[in-house]
Protein backbone atom coordinates (compact mmCIF):
# COMPACT_ATOMS: atom_id res chain seq x y z
CA MET A 1 0.00 0.00 0.00
CA ARG A 2 1.14 3.48 -0.73
CA HIS A 3 1.48 6.03 2.06
CA ASP A 4 -0.29 8.73 0.03
CA VAL A 5 -3.39 6.71 -0.86
CA ASP A 6 -6.34 6.25 1.49
CA PRO A 7 -6.34 2.58 2.67
CA LYS A 8 -10.08 2.40 1.86
CA LYS A 9 -9.15 2.58 -1.84
CA TYR A 10 -7.47 -0.80 -1.48
CA ALA A 11 -10.47 -2.50 0.11
CA ALA A 12 -12.43 -4.81 -2.16
CA SER A 13 -15.85 -6.33 -1.64
CA TRP A 14 -17.29 -9.61 -2.81
CA SER A 15 -19.24 -7.72 -5.48
CA ASP A 16 -15.93 -6.67 -7.05
CA PHE A 17 -15.09 -10.33 -7.75
CA PRO A 18 -18.32 -12.33 -8.12
CA PRO A 19 -16.64 -15.54 -9.35
CA LEU A 20 -14.18 -15.62 -6.42
CA ALA A 21 -14.45 -18.71 -4.25
CA GLN A 22 -12.80 -18.99 -0.85
CA PHE A 23 -12.21 -22.32 0.82
CA TYR A 24 -13.23 -21.54 4.38
CA ILE A 25 -10.97 -24.03 6.12
CA ASP A 26 -7.63 -22.64 4.89
CA GLY A 27 -8.42 -19.36 3.12
CA ALA A 28 -7.28 -20.61 -0.30
CA HIS A 29 -9.09 -19.29 -3.35
CA GLY A 30 -10.47 -20.50 -6.65
CA SER A 31 -12.68 -19.21 -9.45
CA LEU A 32 -16.23 -20.18 -10.25
CA ILE A 33 -16.15 -21.46 -13.86
CA ALA A 34 -19.69 -22.87 -14.03
CA PRO A 35 -22.65 -22.75 -11.63
CA THR A 36 -21.38 -25.77 -9.69
CA TRP A 37 -17.65 -25.92 -10.55
CA ILE A 38 -14.69 -24.12 -8.97
CA VAL A 39 -11.18 -24.37 -10.38
CA SER A 40 -8.17 -23.84 -8.12
CA ALA A 41 -4.59 -24.94 -7.72
CA ALA A 42 -4.29 -28.58 -6.68
CA HIS A 43 -2.56 -27.74 -3.40
CA THR A 44 -5.72 -25.96 -2.20
CA THR A 45 -7.73 -29.18 -2.22
CA PHE A 46 -5.74 -31.20 0.31
CA CYS A 47 -8.18 -30.37 3.08
CA THR A 48 -11.31 -29.75 1.00
CA ASP A 49 -13.56 -32.68 1.79
CA PRO A 50 -17.26 -33.12 1.04
CA GLY A 51 -19.19 -30.82 3.33
CA THR A 52 -16.38 -28.23 3.59
CA THR A 53 -17.75 -24.68 3.71
CA ILE A 54 -16.95 -22.51 0.68
CA LEU A 55 -17.77 -18.86 0.10
CA VAL A 56 -18.67 -17.94 -3.48
CA GLY A 57 -19.39 -14.30 -4.14
CA GLY A 58 -19.79 -13.85 -0.41
CA GLU A 59 -22.47 -16.55 -0.14
CA LYS A 60 -21.93 -19.74 1.80
CA GLY A 61 -21.95 -23.05 -0.02
CA TYR A 62 -20.59 -26.53 0.57
CA CYS A 63 -18.17 -28.77 -1.26
CA GLU A 64 -19.85 -31.76 -2.85
CA LYS A 65 -16.60 -33.42 -3.99
CA ALA A 66 -12.99 -32.52 -4.83
CA VAL A 67 -11.55 -33.67 -8.14
CA CYS A 68 -7.78 -33.60 -8.64
CA THR A 69 -6.19 -34.35 -11.98
CA PRO A 70 -2.55 -35.20 -12.58
């Protein structure tokens, strides 16, 4: 952050990034690519089990399953 810019200018809200998904358990992030699919880096899924809470666009949802590909 710059010393000459109001810190409020750096604050973002969920409405600024509607496809942003946050994995509640570890704070990792992914992007909503379809109504029921989130893509993220593989290392963010190690503790994402069915039932894990996820925030998408600021709304709470739950993981149905995690799919990792090689």
